[in-house]
Amino acid sequence: MRGAQALTLVKKLAHQHGLTVVQMVDPRGRKRCKGSHAIYALLDANGSEVVRFGLTDHPGDLSWTLLNRLEERLAPVFGEKWTENR
């Protein structure tokens, strides 16, 4: 799975759960990144942060470690093994 595909899946599931995905920005309005890793947050209807996660902008597939971390990080919100059969 590529980073863009994972982000699309997260956005779809977030919408189904009444959440919004936003990319984090610093006080100056610049996007927060760690190298090629962008930092995102899931927000509830009140704008409160539910969870943060990171994804790469690399053109290739996500490493299994990054995909595993993403799945574990979002499991409390979307349920266990939310990336399977999608």
Protein backbone atom coordinates (compact mmCIF):
# COMPACT_ATOMS: atom_id res chain seq x y z
CA MET A 1 0.00 0.00 0.00
CA ARG A 2 1.31 3.44 -0.92
CA GLY A 3 1.18 6.43 1.42
CA ALA A 4 -1.46 8.19 -0.68
CA GLN A 5 -3.63 5.05 -0.68
CA ALA A 6 -3.31 4.74 3.09
CA LEU A 7 -4.27 8.40 3.56
CA THR A 8 -7.31 7.94 1.29
CA LEU A 9 -8.38 4.89 3.33
CA VAL A 10 -7.90 6.77 6.61
CA LYS A 11 -9.98 9.70 5.30
CA LYS A 12 -12.76 7.36 4.18
CA LEU A 13 -12.89 5.54 7.53
CA ALA A 14 -12.62 8.81 9.45
CA HIS A 15 -15.64 10.17 7.57
CA GLN A 16 -17.60 7.01 8.43
CA HIS A 17 -16.74 7.56 12.11
CA GLY A 18 -17.63 11.28 12.06
CA LEU A 19 -13.98 12.37 12.19
CA THR A 20 -11.85 14.71 10.08
CA VAL A 21 -8.25 14.23 8.93
CA VAL A 22 -6.03 17.32 8.97
CA GLN A 23 -2.34 17.79 8.32
CA MET A 24 -0.68 19.41 11.31
CA VAL A 25 0.79 22.91 10.88
CA ASP A 26 3.09 24.97 13.09
CA PRO A 27 2.10 28.40 14.49
CA ARG A 28 3.41 30.08 11.32
CA GLY A 29 1.08 28.00 9.16
CA ARG A 30 3.77 25.73 7.76
CA LYS A 31 3.05 22.02 7.41
CA ARG A 32 4.68 19.91 10.13
CA CYS A 33 6.89 17.21 8.71
CA LYS A 34 9.82 15.07 9.76
CA GLY A 35 11.74 14.73 6.54
CA SER A 36 9.37 13.13 4.06
CA HIS A 37 6.97 12.08 6.85
CA ALA A 38 3.91 14.29 7.18
CA ILE A 39 2.12 14.47 10.52
CA TYR A 40 -1.70 14.17 10.50
CA ALA A 41 -4.39 14.23 13.18
CA LEU A 42 -7.92 12.86 13.45
CA LEU A 43 -10.30 15.46 14.86
CA ASP A 44 -13.76 14.87 16.29
CA ALA A 45 -16.82 17.07 15.61
CA ASN A 46 -15.69 19.53 18.32
CA GLY A 47 -12.26 19.93 16.73
CA SER A 48 -10.56 17.99 19.52
CA GLU A 49 -7.63 15.81 18.53
CA VAL A 50 -8.37 12.10 18.79
CA VAL A 51 -5.02 10.71 17.57
CA ARG A 52 -1.94 11.74 15.55
CA PHE A 53 -0.16 9.65 12.96
CA GLY A 54 2.53 10.02 10.33
CA LEU A 55 2.75 8.97 6.69
CA THR A 56 5.43 9.27 4.03
CA ASP A 57 5.21 11.06 0.71
CA HIS A 58 7.45 8.46 -0.94
CA PRO A 59 6.22 7.21 -4.33
CA GLY A 60 6.71 3.55 -3.38
CA ASP A 61 4.89 1.26 -0.99
CA LEU A 62 4.96 1.92 2.74
CA SER A 63 7.41 -0.23 4.65
CA TRP A 64 5.81 -3.01 6.66
CA THR A 65 6.98 -1.33 9.87
CA LEU A 66 5.35 2.00 9.02
CA LEU A 67 2.14 0.30 7.90
CA ASN A 68 2.14 -1.80 11.09
CA ARG A 69 2.63 1.33 13.25
CA LEU A 70 -0.17 3.14 11.40
CA GLU A 71 -2.51 0.18 11.89
CA GLU A 72 -1.68 -0.04 15.61
CA ARG A 73 -1.97 3.73 16.11
CA LEU A 74 -5.44 3.93 14.57
CA ALA A 75 -6.78 0.58 15.87
CA PRO A 76 -8.47 2.17 18.94
CA VAL A 77 -10.50 4.34 16.55
CA PHE A 78 -11.13 2.03 13.56
CA GLY A 79 -10.82 -1.40 15.19
CA GLU A 80 -8.21 -4.14 14.97
CA LYS A 81 -6.86 -5.05 11.51
CA TRP A 82 -8.70 -2.12 9.89
CA THR A 83 -6.35 -2.20 6.88
CA GLU A 84 -7.21 -5.78 5.89
CA ASN A 85 -9.70 -6.45 3.07
CA ARG A 86 -9.79 -2.82 2.02
